[in-house]
Amino acid sequence: MDKIACGFMEYPSPAQLRNGYPTHMHMKDILKRDKTVFGFEFFPPRTDDGWDGLTSRLHTFEALEPSFVSVTYGAGGSTRTKTHALVCHIATKTSLDPIPHLTCVGHTHQEVNNILQSYTEAGIDNILALRGDKQQDGTPSKDFAYASDLVKSIRAFTGKTFGIGVAGFPEGHPETPNRLVQMDHLKAKVDCGIDWICSQLFFDNNAFYDWVDRCDVAGITTPTFAGIMPISSIAGMQRMAELAGGANFPAKLQRRLYRFQDDAEAVAKIGTSWASEQCADLLDANVRGIHFFTMNKSSATEDIYSSLGASSGSKLRNPH
């Protein structure tokens, strides 16, 4: 039986083909295969109960047949080991195609090379390259100041040619209020050689469309995936406002939510309904991809898929 190495352990590899295609693919090949790319984001659980809960739900995500799933990486590498463990579990125990996030703040070039080598040995084909949050104690970055530096380092890695994705911010980034300068930063990442851009979450599609147009003006034509996160609670919305600085919550959405703010189930349904409307509109506009921030829960994503009318994930990715 084929095996894939993950660190010091080896696991049996999953089925090699899904609908006639390899289970694990470089992003360039995923983009060729899928008219619309669908991705799900997971985070590494910090507790054993959280780990068991997520891994027990992975089969429900498999049933949705996404193009890929991504796994987040803690600020300063705080969940580095857990990220690698979850990526290896997904790669070897499921038919899902995992893409690890990699943040460069606090890392040296050698540390990044070691991480890339471990993912090469695990059969991973793509990396989402991020700067990461600045370290809270004010410690300066080691070898990397910007995400573009990390992209260069991944491109220079000789062990494998990874597909590389980066983040984009349709509604701005709190550290760079000057939108022209912010676009220059994105262009710098693109010019280093990337394969896709994954947007920060947003709740106003017009803001996303305008940002894509501004990318075009700047000469950025890289495939771009829209970041969608259903609101599940009022408290969750408030946390999003803190974590995704710059994200706007339209008045119409807020009115719907606060009308039923004392009914947790109604609030969650409104959040899912709004995200479903966003996705339907994005598909009508021929968006290149949609990336769901799942918070490790499958129910909202399942509901959105159902609302879009496709009988399977593969038909949603390629409707004709």
C-alpha atoms as a PDB file:
ATOM      1  CA  MET A   1       0.000   0.000   0.000  1.00  0.00           C
ATOM      2  CA  ASP A   2       1.249   3.477  -0.824  1.00  0.00           C
ATOM      3  CA  LYS A   3       2.363   5.488   2.171  1.00  0.00           C
ATOM      4  CA  ILE A   4       2.886   9.164   2.910  1.00  0.00           C
ATOM      5  CA  ALA A   5       5.411  10.321   5.504  1.00  0.00           C
ATOM      6  CA  CYS A   6       4.301  12.915   8.067  1.00  0.00           C
ATOM      7  CA  GLY A   7       7.129  13.842  10.371  1.00  0.00           C
ATOM      8  CA  PHE A   8       8.373  10.610  11.902  1.00  0.00           C
ATOM      9  CA  MET A   9       5.177   8.664  11.210  1.00  0.00           C
ATOM     10  CA  GLU A  10       3.802   7.011   8.123  1.00  0.00           C
ATOM     11  CA  TYR A  11       0.114   6.508   7.329  1.00  0.00           C
ATOM     12  CA  PRO A  12      -1.625   4.634   4.532  1.00  0.00           C
ATOM     13  CA  SER A  13      -2.492   7.069   1.742  1.00  0.00           C
ATOM     14  CA  PRO A  14      -6.163   7.740   0.882  1.00  0.00           C
ATOM     15  CA  ALA A  15      -7.755   6.808  -2.435  1.00  0.00           C
ATOM     16  CA  GLN A  16      -5.587   8.218  -5.191  1.00  0.00           C
ATOM     17  CA  LEU A  17      -8.426   9.327  -7.437  1.00  0.00           C
ATOM     18  CA  ARG A  18     -11.642  11.285  -6.873  1.00  0.00           C
ATOM     19  CA  ASN A  19     -13.979  11.572  -9.831  1.00  0.00           C
ATOM     20  CA  GLY A  20     -11.096  10.624 -12.085  1.00  0.00           C
ATOM     21  CA  TYR A  21      -8.647  13.163 -10.648  1.00  0.00           C
ATOM     22  CA  PRO A  22      -5.805  12.799  -8.108  1.00  0.00           C
ATOM     23  CA  THR A  23      -6.891  13.478  -4.538  1.00  0.00           C
ATOM     24  CA  HIS A  24      -4.021  15.943  -4.035  1.00  0.00           C
ATOM     25  CA  MET A  25      -3.288  18.487  -6.771  1.00  0.00           C
ATOM     26  CA  HIS A  26      -1.231  21.618  -7.389  1.00  0.00           C
ATOM     27  CA  MET A  27      -3.427  24.732  -7.421  1.00  0.00           C
ATOM     28  CA  LYS A  28      -2.705  25.278 -11.113  1.00  0.00           C
ATOM     29  CA  ASP A  29      -4.297  21.894 -11.826  1.00  0.00           C
ATOM     30  CA  ILE A  30      -7.219  22.572  -9.474  1.00  0.00           C
ATOM     31  CA  LEU A  31      -7.899  25.796 -11.382  1.00  0.00           C
ATOM     32  CA  LYS A  32      -7.863  23.863 -14.661  1.00  0.00           C
ATOM     33  CA  ARG A  33     -10.227  21.217 -13.295  1.00  0.00           C
ATOM     34  CA  ASP A  34     -12.803  23.417 -11.538  1.00  0.00           C
ATOM     35  CA  LYS A  35     -14.822  26.219 -13.106  1.00  0.00           C
ATOM     36  CA  THR A  36     -15.499  27.500  -9.588  1.00  0.00           C
ATOM     37  CA  VAL A  37     -13.073  26.549  -6.825  1.00  0.00           C
ATOM     38  CA  PHE A  38     -14.536  25.831  -3.380  1.00  0.00           C
ATOM     39  CA  GLY A  39     -12.410  25.749  -0.240  1.00  0.00           C
ATOM     40  CA  PHE A  40     -13.072  25.235   3.469  1.00  0.00           C
ATOM     41  CA  GLU A  41     -10.901  26.651   6.242  1.00  0.00           C
ATOM     42  CA  PHE A  42     -10.244  24.738   9.486  1.00  0.00           C
ATOM     43  CA  PHE A  43      -8.225  25.694  12.557  1.00  0.00           C
ATOM     44  CA  PRO A  44      -6.235  23.210  14.673  1.00  0.00           C
ATOM     45  CA  PRO A  45      -8.214  22.486  17.858  1.00  0.00           C
ATOM     46  CA  ARG A  46      -6.309  23.204  21.058  1.00  0.00           C
ATOM     47  CA  THR A  47      -7.973  20.432  23.101  1.00  0.00           C
ATOM     48  CA  ASP A  48      -8.436  16.695  22.667  1.00  0.00           C
ATOM     49  CA  ASP A  49     -12.216  17.136  22.672  1.00  0.00           C
ATOM     50  CA  GLY A  50     -11.960  19.764  19.949  1.00  0.00           C
ATOM     51  CA  TRP A  51      -9.707  17.485  17.896  1.00  0.00           C
ATOM     52  CA  ASP A  52     -12.089  14.548  18.246  1.00  0.00           C
ATOM     53  CA  GLY A  53     -15.044  16.747  17.344  1.00  0.00           C
ATOM     54  CA  LEU A  54     -13.435  18.062  14.155  1.00  0.00           C
ATOM     55  CA  THR A  55     -12.012  14.754  12.959  1.00  0.00           C
ATOM     56  CA  SER A  56     -15.382  13.079  13.533  1.00  0.00           C
ATOM     57  CA  ARG A  57     -17.004  15.721  11.289  1.00  0.00           C
ATOM     58  CA  LEU A  58     -14.500  15.516   8.446  1.00  0.00           C
ATOM     59  CA  HIS A  59     -16.655  12.958   6.622  1.00  0.00           C
ATOM     60  CA  THR A  60     -19.455  15.534   6.355  1.00  0.00           C
ATOM     61  CA  PHE A  61     -17.031  17.966   4.727  1.00  0.00           C
ATOM     62  CA  GLU A  62     -15.810  15.184   2.419  1.00  0.00           C
ATOM     63  CA  ALA A  63     -19.397  14.656   1.252  1.00  0.00           C
ATOM     64  CA  LEU A  64     -19.469  18.269   0.027  1.00  0.00           C
ATOM     65  CA  GLU A  65     -16.496  17.559  -2.282  1.00  0.00           C
ATOM     66  CA  PRO A  66     -14.581  20.844  -1.933  1.00  0.00           C
ATOM     67  CA  SER A  67     -11.659  21.624  -4.204  1.00  0.00           C
ATOM     68  CA  PHE A  68      -9.396  21.907  -1.149  1.00  0.00           C
ATOM     69  CA  VAL A  69      -9.377  22.643   2.578  1.00  0.00           C
ATOM     70  CA  SER A  70      -6.960  24.933   4.387  1.00  0.00           C
ATOM     71  CA  VAL A  71      -5.571  24.746   7.928  1.00  0.00           C
ATOM     72  CA  THR A  72      -4.662  27.891   9.860  1.00  0.00           C
ATOM     73  CA  TYR A  73      -1.360  28.583  11.604  1.00  0.00           C
ATOM     74  CA  GLY A  74      -1.156  30.387  14.956  1.00  0.00           C
ATOM     75  CA  ALA A  75       0.429  33.801  15.394  1.00  0.00           C
ATOM     76  CA  GLY A  76       4.139  33.346  15.919  1.00  0.00           C
ATOM     77  CA  GLY A  77       3.719  29.639  15.226  1.00  0.00           C
ATOM     78  CA  SER A  78       1.699  29.031  18.416  1.00  0.00           C
ATOM     79  CA  THR A  79      -0.160  26.102  16.822  1.00  0.00           C
ATOM     80  CA  ARG A  80       2.650  25.042  14.509  1.00  0.00           C
ATOM     81  CA  THR A  81       2.750  21.395  15.649  1.00  0.00           C
ATOM     82  CA  LYS A  82      -1.036  21.115  15.676  1.00  0.00           C
ATOM     83  CA  THR A  83      -1.254  22.586  12.161  1.00  0.00           C
ATOM     84  CA  HIS A  84       1.152  19.973  10.838  1.00  0.00           C
ATOM     85  CA  ALA A  85      -0.642  17.166  12.655  1.00  0.00           C
ATOM     86  CA  LEU A  86      -4.044  18.185  11.291  1.00  0.00           C
ATOM     87  CA  VAL A  87      -2.697  18.610   7.754  1.00  0.00           C
ATOM     88  CA  CYS A  88      -1.165  15.128   7.913  1.00  0.00           C
ATOM     89  CA  HIS A  89      -4.355  13.617   9.313  1.00  0.00           C
ATOM     90  CA  ILE A  90      -6.468  15.149   6.544  1.00  0.00           C
ATOM     91  CA  ALA A  91      -3.966  14.173   3.844  1.00  0.00           C
ATOM     92  CA  THR A  92      -3.750  10.553   4.894  1.00  0.00           C
ATOM     93  CA  LYS A  93      -7.094   9.732   6.481  1.00  0.00           C
ATOM     94  CA  THR A  94      -9.525  11.518   4.144  1.00  0.00           C
ATOM     95  CA  SER A  95     -10.078  12.325   0.471  1.00  0.00           C
ATOM     96  CA  LEU A  96      -9.758  16.065   1.227  1.00  0.00           C
ATOM     97  CA  ASP A  97      -6.825  18.018  -0.214  1.00  0.00           C
ATOM     98  CA  PRO A  98      -5.223  20.052   2.613  1.00  0.00           C
ATOM     99  CA  ILE A  99      -3.401  23.360   2.178  1.00  0.00           C
ATOM    100  CA  PRO A 100      -1.483  24.527   5.247  1.00  0.00           C
ATOM    101  CA  HIS A 101      -1.279  28.199   6.141  1.00  0.00           C
ATOM    102  CA  LEU A 102       2.252  29.359   6.902  1.00  0.00           C
ATOM    103  CA  THR A 103       3.004  32.633   8.687  1.00  0.00           C
ATOM    104  CA  CYS A 104       6.519  34.007   8.655  1.00  0.00           C
ATOM    105  CA  VAL A 105       6.573  36.402  11.627  1.00  0.00           C
ATOM    106  CA  GLY A 106       9.110  35.142  14.162  1.00  0.00           C
ATOM    107  CA  HIS A 107      10.577  32.513  11.841  1.00  0.00           C
ATOM    108  CA  THR A 108      14.044  32.220  10.333  1.00  0.00           C
ATOM    109  CA  HIS A 109      14.757  31.125   6.769  1.00  0.00           C
ATOM    110  CA  GLN A 110      16.036  27.791   8.078  1.00  0.00           C
ATOM    111  CA  GLU A 111      12.886  27.186  10.103  1.00  0.00           C
ATOM    112  CA  VAL A 112      10.723  27.887   7.052  1.00  0.00           C
ATOM    113  CA  ASN A 113      12.857  25.555   4.927  1.00  0.00           C
ATOM    114  CA  ASN A 114      12.426  22.823   7.547  1.00  0.00           C
ATOM    115  CA  ILE A 115       8.650  23.292   7.481  1.00  0.00           C
ATOM    116  CA  LEU A 116       8.582  23.201   3.686  1.00  0.00           C
ATOM    117  CA  GLN A 117      10.671  20.033   3.711  1.00  0.00           C
ATOM    118  CA  SER A 118       8.229  18.368   6.113  1.00  0.00           C
ATOM    119  CA  TYR A 119       5.321  19.259   3.834  1.00  0.00           C
ATOM    120  CA  THR A 120       7.255  17.983   0.820  1.00  0.00           C
ATOM    121  CA  GLU A 121       7.675  14.628   2.579  1.00  0.00           C
ATOM    122  CA  ALA A 122       3.954  14.644   3.453  1.00  0.00           C
ATOM    123  CA  GLY A 123       2.949  15.046  -0.210  1.00  0.00           C
ATOM    124  CA  ILE A 124       1.494  18.539   0.239  1.00  0.00           C
ATOM    125  CA  ASP A 125       1.303  20.558  -2.985  1.00  0.00           C
ATOM    126  CA  ASN A 126       0.228  24.065  -1.917  1.00  0.00           C
ATOM    127  CA  ILE A 127       0.934  26.647   0.786  1.00  0.00           C
ATOM    128  CA  LEU A 128      -1.063  29.738   1.816  1.00  0.00           C
ATOM    129  CA  ALA A 129       1.700  32.257   2.595  1.00  0.00           C
ATOM    130  CA  LEU A 130       0.894  34.913   5.200  1.00  0.00           C
ATOM    131  CA  ARG A 131       2.865  37.433   7.217  1.00  0.00           C
ATOM    132  CA  GLY A 132       0.892  36.748  10.378  1.00  0.00           C
ATOM    133  CA  ASP A 133       0.121  39.014  13.299  1.00  0.00           C
ATOM    134  CA  LYS A 134       2.995  40.986  14.763  1.00  0.00           C
ATOM    135  CA  GLN A 135       4.291  39.500  17.983  1.00  0.00           C
ATOM    136  CA  GLN A 136       2.560  40.999  20.998  1.00  0.00           C
ATOM    137  CA  ASP A 137       5.772  41.500  22.969  1.00  0.00           C
ATOM    138  CA  GLY A 138       7.117  43.764  20.238  1.00  0.00           C
ATOM    139  CA  THR A 139       9.910  41.370  19.284  1.00  0.00           C
ATOM    140  CA  PRO A 140      10.998  42.269  15.735  1.00  0.00           C
ATOM    141  CA  SER A 141      10.653  39.771  12.931  1.00  0.00           C
ATOM    142  CA  LYS A 142      13.646  37.582  12.274  1.00  0.00           C
ATOM    143  CA  ASP A 143      14.266  37.006   8.575  1.00  0.00           C
ATOM    144  CA  PHE A 144      10.834  38.011   7.268  1.00  0.00           C
ATOM    145  CA  ALA A 145       9.186  41.434   7.410  1.00  0.00           C
ATOM    146  CA  TYR A 146       6.435  40.912   4.826  1.00  0.00           C
ATOM    147  CA  ALA A 147       4.438  38.095   3.253  1.00  0.00           C
ATOM    148  CA  SER A 148       6.224  38.853  -0.033  1.00  0.00           C
ATOM    149  CA  ASP A 149       9.484  37.794   1.671  1.00  0.00           C
ATOM    150  CA  LEU A 150       7.887  34.457   2.532  1.00  0.00           C
ATOM    151  CA  VAL A 151       6.637  34.001  -1.035  1.00  0.00           C
ATOM    152  CA  LYS A 152      10.199  34.559  -2.290  1.00  0.00           C
ATOM    153  CA  SER A 153      11.512  31.996   0.198  1.00  0.00           C
ATOM    154  CA  ILE A 154       8.953  29.375  -0.872  1.00  0.00           C
ATOM    155  CA  ARG A 155       9.758  30.041  -4.532  1.00  0.00           C
ATOM    156  CA  ALA A 156      13.480  29.616  -3.788  1.00  0.00           C
ATOM    157  CA  PHE A 157      12.909  26.285  -2.014  1.00  0.00           C
ATOM    158  CA  THR A 158      14.566  23.582  -4.102  1.00  0.00           C
ATOM    159  CA  GLY A 159      12.772  20.533  -2.736  1.00  0.00           C
ATOM    160  CA  LYS A 160       9.452  21.139  -4.501  1.00  0.00           C
ATOM    161  CA  THR A 161       7.512  23.673  -6.559  1.00  0.00           C
ATOM    162  CA  PHE A 162       4.581  24.532  -4.309  1.00  0.00           C
ATOM    163  CA  GLY A 163       1.426  26.276  -5.398  1.00  0.00           C
ATOM    164  CA  ILE A 164       1.376  29.538  -3.438  1.00  0.00           C
ATOM    165  CA  GLY A 165      -1.620  31.549  -2.275  1.00  0.00           C
ATOM    166  CA  VAL A 166      -1.725  34.864  -0.421  1.00  0.00           C
ATOM    167  CA  ALA A 167      -4.335  36.954   1.387  1.00  0.00           C
ATOM    168  CA  GLY A 168      -6.146  40.002   0.009  1.00  0.00           C
ATOM    169  CA  PHE A 169      -8.256  42.575   1.838  1.00  0.00           C
ATOM    170  CA  PRO A 170     -11.309  43.893  -0.061  1.00  0.00           C
ATOM    171  CA  GLU A 171     -12.295  46.322   2.699  1.00  0.00           C
ATOM    172  CA  GLY A 172      -8.849  47.352   3.799  1.00  0.00           C
ATOM    173  CA  HIS A 173      -6.295  46.348   6.406  1.00  0.00           C
ATOM    174  CA  PRO A 174      -6.123  48.195   9.745  1.00  0.00           C
ATOM    175  CA  GLU A 175      -2.331  48.539   9.536  1.00  0.00           C
ATOM    176  CA  THR A 176      -2.489  50.161   6.089  1.00  0.00           C
ATOM    177  CA  PRO A 177      -5.381  52.645   5.841  1.00  0.00           C
ATOM    178  CA  ASN A 178      -3.971  54.016   2.576  1.00  0.00           C
ATOM    179  CA  ARG A 179      -5.734  51.814   0.002  1.00  0.00           C
ATOM    180  CA  LEU A 180      -3.267  52.693  -2.777  1.00  0.00           C
ATOM    181  CA  VAL A 181      -0.319  51.589  -0.648  1.00  0.00           C
ATOM    182  CA  GLN A 182      -2.231  48.471   0.333  1.00  0.00           C
ATOM    183  CA  MET A 183      -2.718  47.590  -3.331  1.00  0.00           C
ATOM    184  CA  ASP A 184       1.028  48.093  -3.852  1.00  0.00           C
ATOM    185  CA  HIS A 185       1.636  45.534  -1.109  1.00  0.00           C
ATOM    186  CA  LEU A 186      -0.648  43.007  -2.816  1.00  0.00           C
ATOM    187  CA  LYS A 187       1.031  43.672  -6.178  1.00  0.00           C
ATOM    188  CA  ALA A 188       4.419  43.021  -4.554  1.00  0.00           C
ATOM    189  CA  LYS A 189       3.215  39.582  -3.433  1.00  0.00           C
ATOM    190  CA  VAL A 190       1.772  38.842  -6.862  1.00  0.00           C
ATOM    191  CA  ASP A 191       4.992  39.844  -8.609  1.00  0.00           C
ATOM    192  CA  CYS A 192       6.944  37.345  -6.489  1.00  0.00           C
ATOM    193  CA  GLY A 193       5.034  34.539  -8.221  1.00  0.00           C
ATOM    194  CA  ILE A 194       1.772  33.290  -6.725  1.00  0.00           C
ATOM    195  CA  ASP A 195      -1.092  31.117  -7.947  1.00  0.00           C
ATOM    196  CA  TRP A 196      -4.167  32.465  -6.142  1.00  0.00           C
ATOM    197  CA  ILE A 197      -5.437  35.141  -3.773  1.00  0.00           C
ATOM    198  CA  CYS A 198      -7.834  34.336  -0.927  1.00  0.00           C
ATOM    199  CA  SER A 199      -9.802  37.337   0.270  1.00  0.00           C
ATOM    200  CA  GLN A 200     -10.534  38.328   3.831  1.00  0.00           C
ATOM    201  CA  LEU A 201     -14.152  37.793   4.846  1.00  0.00           C
ATOM    202  CA  PHE A 202     -16.695  40.398   3.749  1.00  0.00           C
ATOM    203  CA  PHE A 203     -20.461  40.835   3.904  1.00  0.00           C
ATOM    204  CA  ASP A 204     -20.981  43.316   1.060  1.00  0.00           C
ATOM    205  CA  ASN A 205     -20.398  41.765  -2.357  1.00  0.00           C
ATOM    206  CA  ASN A 206     -20.178  45.180  -3.995  1.00  0.00           C
ATOM    207  CA  ALA A 207     -17.090  45.895  -1.903  1.00  0.00           C
ATOM    208  CA  PHE A 208     -15.536  42.660  -3.186  1.00  0.00           C
ATOM    209  CA  TYR A 209     -16.403  43.405  -6.814  1.00  0.00           C
ATOM    210  CA  ASP A 210     -14.953  46.913  -6.568  1.00  0.00           C
ATOM    211  CA  TRP A 211     -11.774  45.541  -5.029  1.00  0.00           C
ATOM    212  CA  VAL A 212     -11.413  42.992  -7.836  1.00  0.00           C
ATOM    213  CA  ASP A 213     -11.827  45.838 -10.337  1.00  0.00           C
ATOM    214  CA  ARG A 214      -9.160  47.862  -8.522  1.00  0.00           C
ATOM    215  CA  CYS A 215      -6.881  44.815  -8.645  1.00  0.00           C
ATOM    216  CA  ASP A 216      -7.394  44.752 -12.407  1.00  0.00           C
ATOM    217  CA  VAL A 217      -6.454  48.429 -12.634  1.00  0.00           C
ATOM    218  CA  ALA A 218      -3.253  47.607 -10.738  1.00  0.00           C
ATOM    219  CA  GLY A 219      -2.446  44.807 -13.195  1.00  0.00           C
ATOM    220  CA  ILE A 220      -3.422  41.977 -10.834  1.00  0.00           C
ATOM    221  CA  THR A 221      -5.231  39.212 -12.715  1.00  0.00           C
ATOM    222  CA  THR A 222      -4.415  36.314 -10.369  1.00  0.00           C
ATOM    223  CA  PRO A 223      -7.400  34.003  -9.658  1.00  0.00           C
ATOM    224  CA  THR A 224      -9.173  35.341  -6.582  1.00  0.00           C
ATOM    225  CA  PHE A 225     -11.351  33.439  -4.116  1.00  0.00           C
ATOM    226  CA  ALA A 226     -14.031  35.236  -2.100  1.00  0.00           C
ATOM    227  CA  GLY A 227     -13.888  34.718   1.662  1.00  0.00           C
ATOM    228  CA  ILE A 228     -17.297  33.912   3.172  1.00  0.00           C
ATOM    229  CA  MET A 229     -18.086  33.444   6.871  1.00  0.00           C
ATOM    230  CA  PRO A 230     -21.673  32.946   8.046  1.00  0.00           C
ATOM    231  CA  ILE A 231     -22.523  34.874  11.208  1.00  0.00           C
ATOM    232  CA  SER A 232     -23.663  32.432  13.877  1.00  0.00           C
ATOM    233  CA  SER A 233     -24.303  34.813  16.784  1.00  0.00           C
ATOM    234  CA  ILE A 234     -24.229  38.488  17.757  1.00  0.00           C
ATOM    235  CA  ALA A 235     -21.159  37.806  19.885  1.00  0.00           C
ATOM    236  CA  GLY A 236     -19.570  36.081  16.896  1.00  0.00           C
ATOM    237  CA  MET A 237     -20.182  39.142  14.743  1.00  0.00           C
ATOM    238  CA  GLN A 238     -18.521  41.322  17.363  1.00  0.00           C
ATOM    239  CA  ARG A 239     -15.488  39.012  17.441  1.00  0.00           C
ATOM    240  CA  MET A 240     -15.298  39.158  13.638  1.00  0.00           C
ATOM    241  CA  ALA A 241     -15.223  42.946  13.830  1.00  0.00           C
ATOM    242  CA  GLU A 242     -12.148  42.672  16.073  1.00  0.00           C
ATOM    243  CA  LEU A 243     -10.335  39.955  14.140  1.00  0.00           C
ATOM    244  CA  ALA A 244     -11.122  41.150  10.604  1.00  0.00           C
ATOM    245  CA  GLY A 245     -10.401  44.827  11.056  1.00  0.00           C
ATOM    246  CA  GLY A 246     -11.954  46.820   8.214  1.00  0.00           C
ATOM    247  CA  ALA A 247     -14.828  44.403   7.569  1.00  0.00           C
ATOM    248  CA  ASN A 248     -18.121  46.259   7.145  1.00  0.00           C
ATOM    249  CA  PHE A 249     -21.440  44.904   8.387  1.00  0.00           C
ATOM    250  CA  PRO A 250     -24.166  46.384   6.133  1.00  0.00           C
ATOM    251  CA  ALA A 251     -27.085  48.106   7.851  1.00  0.00           C
ATOM    252  CA  LYS A 252     -29.562  45.694   6.250  1.00  0.00           C
ATOM    253  CA  LEU A 253     -27.707  42.737   7.747  1.00  0.00           C
ATOM    254  CA  GLN A 254     -27.487  44.351  11.173  1.00  0.00           C
ATOM    255  CA  ARG A 255     -31.211  45.162  11.183  1.00  0.00           C
ATOM    256  CA  ARG A 256     -32.060  41.542  10.405  1.00  0.00           C
ATOM    257  CA  LEU A 257     -29.792  40.268  13.163  1.00  0.00           C
ATOM    258  CA  TYR A 258     -30.771  42.720  15.898  1.00  0.00           C
ATOM    259  CA  ARG A 259     -34.466  42.194  15.163  1.00  0.00           C
ATOM    260  CA  PHE A 260     -34.022  38.676  16.598  1.00  0.00           C
ATOM    261  CA  GLN A 261     -31.006  39.222  18.808  1.00  0.00           C
ATOM    262  CA  ASP A 262     -32.642  37.365  21.724  1.00  0.00           C
ATOM    263  CA  ASP A 263     -33.287  34.287  19.570  1.00  0.00           C
ATOM    264  CA  ALA A 264     -29.976  32.482  19.013  1.00  0.00           C
ATOM    265  CA  GLU A 265     -31.418  30.027  16.486  1.00  0.00           C
ATOM    266  CA  ALA A 266     -32.972  32.827  14.422  1.00  0.00           C
ATOM    267  CA  VAL A 267     -29.715  34.793  14.414  1.00  0.00           C
ATOM    268  CA  ALA A 268     -27.794  31.753  13.121  1.00  0.00           C
ATOM    269  CA  LYS A 269     -30.407  31.195  10.384  1.00  0.00           C
ATOM    270  CA  ILE A 270     -30.181  34.842   9.324  1.00  0.00           C
ATOM    271  CA  GLY A 271     -26.396  34.610   9.163  1.00  0.00           C
ATOM    272  CA  THR A 272     -26.542  31.494   7.013  1.00  0.00           C
ATOM    273  CA  SER A 273     -29.238  33.020   4.787  1.00  0.00           C
ATOM    274  CA  TRP A 274     -27.138  36.140   4.224  1.00  0.00           C
ATOM    275  CA  ALA A 275     -24.066  34.062   3.342  1.00  0.00           C
ATOM    276  CA  SER A 276     -26.195  31.950   0.964  1.00  0.00           C
ATOM    277  CA  GLU A 277     -27.390  35.110  -0.804  1.00  0.00           C
ATOM    278  CA  GLN A 278     -23.788  36.265  -1.086  1.00  0.00           C
ATOM    279  CA  CYS A 279     -22.702  32.949  -2.614  1.00  0.00           C
ATOM    280  CA  ALA A 280     -25.551  32.846  -5.125  1.00  0.00           C
ATOM    281  CA  ASP A 281     -24.700  36.367  -6.262  1.00  0.00           C
ATOM    282  CA  LEU A 282     -20.985  35.542  -6.484  1.00  0.00           C
ATOM    283  CA  LEU A 283     -21.724  32.497  -8.637  1.00  0.00           C
ATOM    284  CA  ASP A 284     -23.944  34.621 -10.898  1.00  0.00           C
ATOM    285  CA  ALA A 285     -20.972  36.973 -11.283  1.00  0.00           C
ATOM    286  CA  ASN A 286     -18.699  34.035 -12.237  1.00  0.00           C
ATOM    287  CA  VAL A 287     -16.405  34.414  -9.236  1.00  0.00           C
ATOM    288  CA  ARG A 288     -13.333  32.203  -9.609  1.00  0.00           C
ATOM    289  CA  GLY A 289     -13.654  30.701  -6.167  1.00  0.00           C
ATOM    290  CA  ILE A 290     -15.375  30.789  -2.777  1.00  0.00           C
ATOM    291  CA  HIS A 291     -13.543  30.016   0.461  1.00  0.00           C
ATOM    292  CA  PHE A 292     -15.634  29.281   3.551  1.00  0.00           C
ATOM    293  CA  PHE A 293     -14.361  30.109   7.030  1.00  0.00           C
ATOM    294  CA  THR A 294     -16.093  27.140   8.688  1.00  0.00           C
ATOM    295  CA  MET A 295     -14.996  27.540  12.334  1.00  0.00           C
ATOM    296  CA  ASN A 296     -14.697  23.723  12.186  1.00  0.00           C
ATOM    297  CA  LYS A 297     -18.482  23.335  11.945  1.00  0.00           C
ATOM    298  CA  SER A 298     -20.198  21.789   8.958  1.00  0.00           C
ATOM    299  CA  SER A 299     -23.883  22.652   9.416  1.00  0.00           C
ATOM    300  CA  ALA A 300     -23.848  26.208   8.010  1.00  0.00           C
ATOM    301  CA  THR A 301     -21.709  25.143   5.045  1.00  0.00           C
ATOM    302  CA  GLU A 302     -24.066  22.230   4.340  1.00  0.00           C
ATOM    303  CA  ASP A 303     -27.050  24.591   4.472  1.00  0.00           C
ATOM    304  CA  ILE A 304     -25.401  27.028   2.059  1.00  0.00           C
ATOM    305  CA  TYR A 305     -24.550  24.229  -0.366  1.00  0.00           C
ATOM    306  CA  SER A 306     -28.146  23.019  -0.220  1.00  0.00           C
ATOM    307  CA  SER A 307     -29.481  26.529  -0.894  1.00  0.00           C
ATOM    308  CA  LEU A 308     -27.376  26.772  -4.049  1.00  0.00           C
ATOM    309  CA  GLY A 309     -29.273  23.860  -5.569  1.00  0.00           C
ATOM    310  CA  ALA A 310     -26.462  21.553  -6.636  1.00  0.00           C
ATOM    311  CA  SER A 311     -26.945  17.842  -5.996  1.00  0.00           C
ATOM    312  CA  SER A 312     -23.216  17.382  -5.360  1.00  0.00           C
ATOM    313  CA  GLY A 313     -20.102  19.395  -4.698  1.00  0.00           C
ATOM    314  CA  SER A 314     -18.573  18.352  -8.005  1.00  0.00           C
ATOM    315  CA  LYS A 315     -21.600  19.686  -9.892  1.00  0.00           C
ATOM    316  CA  LEU A 316     -21.352  22.936  -7.936  1.00  0.00           C
ATOM    317  CA  ARG A 317     -17.707  23.274  -8.989  1.00  0.00           C
ATOM    318  CA  ASN A 318     -18.527  22.405 -12.597  1.00  0.00           C
ATOM    319  CA  PRO A 319     -22.236  23.068 -13.254  1.00  0.00           C
ATOM    320  CA  HIS A 320     -22.168  22.279 -16.992  1.00  0.00           C
END
